[in-house]
Each structure stands twice: as structure tokens, then as C-alpha cells.
């Protein structure tokens, strides 16, 4: 079968035959047939040697260049190679003589707290004002990436909403590991419950790594009720639900995790206290 226009396609590369180089489109164009010598004719003898060179040995053929085996292609995105994101290790404490400055350290932070604690506002401000590149990931935002079929926990906590929560948490962990692997700190926020293994720290540690630094943000109940009243949409909860969540979050007292009561603090002040807490956590990581 001949193509109507253009050159015929090059022959496919076959294993063991080397790269398909030397293919010439002209060699495959149909043209007038020129009969060649008969298959059984004797071979043409080589021309006689030039005068004065009779009996001289033929020059050895140059050695065939040896090609090094091709190295595997690196894992790249576009033209910029990115290191893979592995579990985040524990941050290394600076020497005892050096001050602990979390604002200039690459960290993975998990900000925990009930609805209305100010987690997202503090996390955004903290990420915006660091001296090193820092990303902020809110688990609630990632959960809401699901548009059709979103399992809203306010409609009831069931297998469907739990599966979407687990998926969002794993997605956050994957993003955090990749940010950290490329020199970008990350602060995550989530309402992690001390009495619920499903919505607990174990999953975060598994998905991010042992270097994750958890900090609890826990203002008084009246504060979270006021902040919840200012919300709208599916982020606003009933007062009873807010009180129930706040009461369960009190279980973090005695857990060994650092707790910030930001009842009387604005966002910049809370971010400064967070820096102080993280400096202590770097020097002596919490046992969780």
C-alpha cells in the first residue's frame, strides 16, 4: 500500500538492531525498476594494487567506537528535575551556642484546634511572614476539592465522609513531603481529635513523616462561639456542635503536645507565640 502524499513512515525500531538511523525517505519512494546483476553471477574482483605497493599489507580498519550504555532518564517535570518527596525527618536542632530561629528553618507544622480556633488565619499569617519559602495547606480546603459527591461531615459522619477525610489527609501529606523535599516549609491545619484514632495524629505522622511538629491552638469556648457565628456556608456549625468539639479538644491537655491559648491574642501575636513554641519543639521534639 502506498501513501498518497508525503514520505512513507520510517520503519519501527526493532530490539537488537540498534537505533533506526540511516533511513532515507528517498530510498523508499517508488520509482523505475533497474535490474541489477543476476543473483548467481560471480563477484567482481577488487582492483589491482597501485604500482610500487604490491605485497604491502592492508592498513588495519579503525576500531569501531564503543558507546557507553545510556543512563536512565531522570524523573523530571517539564525541564526542571525535582527531588522525590520522602517522609519528613525530625528537624535537626542547631548547636547549643546558636539561637533556635524557626523563622529561618525548613519545617513541617501541623496546627490543631477546634472550629473557630483561628487555625487557618494563624497558619496563613505565619506562612506569609517567614524568611524562608513556606506553603499553607488546610485540610478543609482539600476536602472541598471534591465538588460532585462531596461528603459533608455536617450531614453526618459515615463511611463516605471518613473515606474522603482519609483521602484529603493523604493528599495533604503527599503535598507536604514534596514541598519539604524541594526546600519549602509547610504548615497544615486540621481539627485533629485526641480521642479519635481515625481523625488522629497517627495518620498525619504516617503520611507526612516523623518530623511533623504538632501544635494545638485552643482558645476559650466563648471565643470559638463568637468566631463561629461570623462564618457562613458549610464552615459554620451549630453552637452545640462547636461546644461538643471544643470539649473533646480539651483532651489534648496532658498529652505532651504544646498548647497555645490564643483567647487574648490577635493573629500576629499568636504567630509569634507559635514561633516560640516551635523553637522549643526543635530543641526538644515532643514525644507523640
Protein backbone atom coordinates (compact mmCIF):
# COMPACT_ATOMS: atom_id res chain seq x y z
CA UNK A 1 0.00 0.00 0.00
CA UNK A 2 1.38 3.39 -0.99
CA UNK A 3 0.74 6.73 0.71
CA UNK A 4 -0.96 9.36 -1.39
CA UNK A 5 1.30 12.19 -0.25
CA UNK A 6 4.50 12.67 1.71
CA UNK A 7 7.22 10.20 2.57
CA UNK A 8 6.43 6.77 3.91
CA UNK A 9 6.72 6.25 7.66
CA UNK A 10 10.14 5.18 8.97
CA UNK A 11 10.45 1.52 9.87
CA UNK A 12 9.83 0.76 13.54
CA UNK A 13 12.86 0.28 15.76
CA UNK A 14 13.44 -3.42 16.42
CA UNK A 15 15.22 -4.75 19.52
CA UNK A 16 18.76 -5.84 18.86
CA UNK A 17 19.15 -3.84 15.66
CA UNK A 18 20.39 -0.56 17.18
CA UNK A 19 18.76 2.82 16.60
CA UNK A 20 16.88 3.28 13.37
CA UNK A 21 19.43 5.64 11.82
CA UNK A 22 20.36 5.94 8.18
CA UNK A 23 16.79 5.59 7.00
CA UNK A 24 16.33 7.65 3.84
CA UNK A 25 12.85 8.56 2.60
CA UNK A 26 14.21 8.66 -0.94
CA UNK A 27 15.20 5.03 -0.71
CA UNK A 28 11.57 4.08 -0.16
CA UNK A 29 9.93 6.15 -2.90
CA UNK A 30 8.50 4.07 -5.72
CA UNK A 31 10.46 4.61 -8.94
CA UNK A 32 11.52 2.87 -12.13
CA UNK A 33 12.95 -0.57 -11.57
CA UNK A 34 16.60 -1.03 -12.60
CA UNK A 35 17.53 -4.65 -12.95
CA UNK A 36 20.69 -5.49 -11.09
CA UNK A 37 23.18 -8.32 -11.70
CA UNK A 38 21.83 -11.83 -11.64
CA UNK A 39 21.79 -13.40 -8.21
CA UNK A 40 24.12 -16.17 -9.32
CA UNK A 41 26.80 -14.06 -11.12
CA UNK A 42 30.39 -14.19 -9.91
CA UNK A 43 31.59 -11.43 -7.58
CA UNK A 44 33.51 -8.55 -9.12
CA UNK A 45 37.25 -8.89 -8.33
CA UNK A 46 38.91 -5.99 -6.47
CA UNK A 47 41.09 -3.59 -8.50
CA UNK A 48 44.80 -4.42 -8.64
CA UNK A 49 47.11 -2.56 -6.23
CA UNK A 50 48.86 0.57 -7.41
CA UNK A 51 52.42 0.20 -8.78
CA UNK A 52 55.03 0.00 -6.04
CA UNK A 53 52.53 -1.16 -3.42
CA UNK A 54 52.35 -4.80 -4.43
CA UNK A 55 52.56 -7.11 -1.47
CA UNK A 56 52.09 -4.28 1.06
CA UNK A 57 49.79 -5.31 3.91
CA UNK A 58 46.45 -3.62 4.03
CA UNK A 59 46.04 -0.95 6.70
CA UNK A 60 44.01 -2.21 9.66
CA UNK A 61 40.47 -0.92 9.87
CA UNK A 62 39.90 1.71 12.58
CA UNK A 63 38.30 0.27 15.72
CA UNK A 64 34.56 0.59 15.99
CA UNK A 65 33.73 3.26 18.56
CA UNK A 66 32.16 1.81 21.69
CA UNK A 67 29.12 3.66 23.04
CA UNK A 68 28.53 3.83 26.77
CA UNK A 69 25.17 2.40 27.85
CA UNK A 70 22.51 5.06 28.01
CA UNK A 71 21.70 6.18 31.54
CA UNK A 72 18.03 6.10 32.59
CA UNK A 73 16.17 9.33 32.08
CA UNK A 74 15.81 11.33 35.31
CA UNK A 75 12.39 11.89 36.82
CA UNK A 76 11.55 15.39 35.64
CA UNK A 77 8.62 17.73 35.45
CA UNK A 78 8.98 19.75 32.28
CA UNK A 79 12.63 20.76 32.14
CA UNK A 80 13.22 21.14 35.90
CA UNK A 81 14.26 17.97 37.78
CA UNK A 82 12.53 17.67 41.15
CA UNK A 83 13.74 15.51 44.03
CA UNK A 84 11.23 12.91 45.22
CA UNK A 85 9.31 13.64 48.40
CA UNK A 86 10.06 11.14 51.16
CA UNK A 87 8.91 11.09 54.79
CA UNK A 88 9.86 14.31 56.58
CA UNK A 89 12.64 13.62 59.12
CA UNK A 90 12.94 15.21 62.51
CA UNK A 91 14.34 18.76 62.25
CA UNK A 92 17.92 18.92 63.44
CA UNK A 93 18.50 21.22 66.36
CA UNK A 94 21.18 23.88 65.85
CA UNK A 95 24.29 23.87 68.04
CA UNK A 96 23.70 24.80 71.66
CA UNK A 97 25.51 28.08 71.15
CA UNK A 98 23.25 29.12 68.26
CA UNK A 99 19.78 30.56 68.92
CA UNK A 100 16.85 28.50 67.66
CA UNK A 101 15.23 30.53 64.90
CA UNK A 102 12.21 28.66 63.45
CA UNK A 103 11.54 31.54 61.06
CA UNK A 104 14.65 30.55 59.09
CA UNK A 105 14.28 26.76 59.41
CA UNK A 106 12.56 24.43 56.96
CA UNK A 107 9.73 22.85 58.95
CA UNK A 108 6.57 20.78 58.67
CA UNK A 109 3.98 22.02 61.19
CA UNK A 110 0.50 20.72 61.99
CA UNK A 111 -1.76 23.30 63.63
CA UNK A 112 -4.56 21.57 65.53
CA UNK A 113 -7.68 23.14 67.01
CA UNK A 114 -11.47 23.20 67.11
CA UNK A 115 -13.64 25.08 64.63
CA UNK A 116 -13.27 28.79 65.37
CA UNK A 117 -9.84 28.49 67.00
CA UNK A 118 -8.26 30.60 64.25
CA UNK A 119 -6.12 27.80 62.79
CA UNK A 120 -6.39 28.85 59.15
CA UNK A 121 -5.91 32.58 59.85
CA UNK A 122 -2.84 31.97 62.01
CA UNK A 123 -1.38 29.43 59.57
CA UNK A 124 -1.75 31.81 56.63
CA UNK A 125 -0.20 34.71 58.52
CA UNK A 126 2.67 32.56 59.80
CA UNK A 127 3.39 31.25 56.30
CA UNK A 128 3.23 34.75 54.79
CA UNK A 129 5.76 36.25 57.20
CA UNK A 130 8.55 33.66 57.30
CA UNK A 131 12.03 34.31 55.90
CA UNK A 132 12.09 31.00 54.03
CA UNK A 133 9.60 29.73 51.42
CA UNK A 134 6.55 28.33 53.20
CA UNK A 135 3.30 26.78 51.98
CA UNK A 136 -0.02 26.52 53.80
CA UNK A 137 -2.42 23.60 53.32
CA UNK A 138 -5.81 23.46 55.01
CA UNK A 139 -7.38 20.01 55.15
CA UNK A 140 -10.86 21.55 54.87
CA UNK A 141 -9.86 23.21 51.59
CA UNK A 142 -8.50 19.94 50.20
CA UNK A 143 -11.65 18.05 51.23
CA UNK A 144 -13.72 20.56 49.30
CA UNK A 145 -11.80 19.88 46.09
CA UNK A 146 -14.45 17.19 45.67
CA UNK A 147 -17.32 19.04 44.03
CA UNK A 148 -19.86 16.47 42.88
CA UNK A 149 -20.41 13.88 45.56
CA UNK A 150 -18.77 15.86 48.37
CA UNK A 151 -19.39 14.10 51.68
CA UNK A 152 -20.07 16.98 54.06
CA UNK A 153 -19.33 15.87 57.64
CA UNK A 154 -22.10 18.19 58.84
CA UNK A 155 -24.57 15.88 57.13
CA UNK A 156 -23.31 13.03 59.29
CA UNK A 157 -20.04 11.22 59.84
CA UNK A 158 -20.23 7.95 57.93
CA UNK A 159 -18.06 5.66 55.83
CA UNK A 160 -18.31 8.05 52.86
CA UNK A 161 -17.20 11.17 54.77
CA UNK A 162 -14.49 9.20 56.57
CA UNK A 163 -13.12 7.90 53.26
CA UNK A 164 -12.97 11.44 51.84
CA UNK A 165 -11.30 12.69 55.00
CA UNK A 166 -8.64 9.98 54.76
CA UNK A 167 -8.10 10.79 51.09
CA UNK A 168 -7.73 14.51 51.84
CA UNK A 169 -5.27 13.80 54.65
CA UNK A 170 -3.18 11.55 52.41
CA UNK A 171 -3.23 14.23 49.68
CA UNK A 172 -2.07 16.85 52.19
CA UNK A 173 0.74 14.57 53.34
CA UNK A 174 1.88 13.92 49.77
CA UNK A 175 1.94 17.67 49.05
CA UNK A 176 3.79 18.45 52.30
CA UNK A 177 6.50 15.85 51.61
CA UNK A 178 7.07 17.23 48.13
CA UNK A 179 7.22 20.82 49.39
CA UNK A 180 9.76 19.84 52.06
CA UNK A 181 11.83 17.81 49.57
CA UNK A 182 12.16 20.96 47.47
CA UNK A 183 13.14 23.25 50.35
CA UNK A 184 9.69 24.72 51.04
CA UNK A 185 8.32 24.59 54.58
CA UNK A 186 4.71 23.62 55.08
CA UNK A 187 2.08 24.33 57.73
CA UNK A 188 -1.07 22.25 57.73
CA UNK A 189 -4.22 22.82 59.76
CA UNK A 190 -6.83 20.28 60.80
CA UNK A 191 -9.26 19.62 63.65
CA UNK A 192 -7.44 16.55 64.96
CA UNK A 193 -9.28 14.87 67.85
CA UNK A 194 -7.34 13.31 70.73
CA UNK A 195 -9.97 10.59 71.24
CA UNK A 196 -10.50 9.53 67.62
CA UNK A 197 -7.81 7.29 66.09
CA UNK A 198 -9.36 7.76 62.62
CA UNK A 199 -9.12 11.54 62.87
CA UNK A 200 -5.92 11.41 64.88
CA UNK A 201 -2.23 12.14 64.81
CA UNK A 202 -1.20 8.66 63.70
CA UNK A 203 -2.46 9.21 60.16
CA UNK A 204 -0.68 12.56 59.89
CA UNK A 205 2.58 11.09 61.14
CA UNK A 206 2.25 8.22 58.66
CA UNK A 207 1.55 10.47 55.68
CA UNK A 208 3.96 13.35 56.44
CA UNK A 209 6.73 11.75 58.48
CA UNK A 210 8.18 11.74 61.99
CA UNK A 211 9.48 15.30 61.58
CA UNK A 212 5.97 16.79 61.69
CA UNK A 213 5.65 19.24 64.60
CA UNK A 214 2.08 19.35 66.02
CA UNK A 215 0.87 22.39 67.95
CA UNK A 216 -2.61 22.79 69.48
CA UNK A 217 -4.47 26.09 69.24
CA UNK A 218 -7.17 26.11 71.94
CA UNK A 219 -8.87 29.37 72.95
CA UNK A 220 -11.80 29.52 75.36
CA UNK A 221 -15.27 28.30 74.40
CA UNK A 222 -16.75 31.81 74.23
CA UNK A 223 -14.10 32.81 71.70
CA UNK A 224 -14.75 29.91 69.33
CA UNK A 225 -18.51 30.52 69.59
CA UNK A 226 -18.02 34.17 68.58
CA UNK A 227 -15.78 33.25 65.64
CA UNK A 228 -18.12 30.50 64.50
CA UNK A 229 -21.02 32.98 64.46
CA UNK A 230 -19.08 35.09 61.93
CA UNK A 231 -18.83 32.18 59.49
CA UNK A 232 -21.15 31.30 56.64
CA UNK A 233 -21.85 28.33 54.41
CA UNK A 234 -20.84 24.82 55.35
CA UNK A 235 -17.99 26.12 57.54
CA UNK A 236 -20.48 27.39 60.12
CA UNK A 237 -21.55 24.89 62.78
CA UNK A 238 -24.31 24.94 65.36
CA UNK A 239 -23.40 26.20 68.81
CA UNK A 240 -23.98 22.74 70.26
CA UNK A 241 -21.58 21.18 67.76
CA UNK A 242 -18.94 23.83 68.46
CA UNK A 243 -19.24 23.24 72.21
CA UNK A 244 -19.03 19.47 71.74
CA UNK A 245 -15.89 19.74 69.57
CA UNK A 246 -14.28 22.20 71.98
CA UNK A 247 -14.90 19.88 74.91
CA UNK A 248 -13.28 16.97 73.13
CA UNK A 249 -10.27 19.11 72.18
CA UNK A 250 -9.61 19.67 75.88
CA UNK A 251 -8.31 16.10 75.84
CA UNK A 252 -5.05 17.47 74.43
CA UNK A 253 -4.18 18.79 77.89
CA UNK A 254 -1.81 16.28 79.41
CA UNK A 255 -0.90 14.82 76.00
CA UNK A 256 2.56 16.36 75.96
CA UNK A 257 1.80 18.46 72.87
CA UNK A 258 2.38 22.23 73.09
CA UNK A 259 -0.89 24.14 73.54
CA UNK A 260 -1.46 27.84 72.79
CA UNK A 261 -4.42 29.59 74.41
CA UNK A 262 -4.97 32.47 72.00
CA UNK A 263 -8.10 33.80 73.68
CA UNK A 264 -6.48 37.21 74.29
CA UNK A 265 -4.12 37.20 71.30
CA UNK A 266 -4.60 38.57 67.81
CA UNK A 267 -3.28 36.75 64.74
CA UNK A 268 0.24 38.34 64.65
CA UNK A 269 0.69 37.76 68.38
CA UNK A 270 -0.41 34.15 68.05
CA UNK A 271 2.03 33.64 65.17
CA UNK A 272 4.85 34.99 67.35
CA UNK A 273 3.91 32.60 70.16
CA UNK A 274 3.85 29.80 67.58
CA UNK A 275 7.43 30.65 66.61
CA UNK A 276 8.47 30.48 70.27
CA UNK A 277 6.75 27.10 70.70
CA UNK A 278 8.38 25.73 67.54
CA UNK A 279 11.82 26.85 68.71
CA UNK A 280 11.33 24.75 71.84
CA UNK A 281 9.99 21.83 69.79
CA UNK A 282 13.06 21.90 67.54
CA UNK A 283 15.35 21.84 70.57
CA UNK A 284 13.32 19.10 72.27
CA UNK A 285 10.79 17.43 69.91
CA UNK A 286 7.52 16.36 71.55
CA UNK A 287 7.02 12.64 72.11
CA UNK A 288 3.86 11.78 70.20
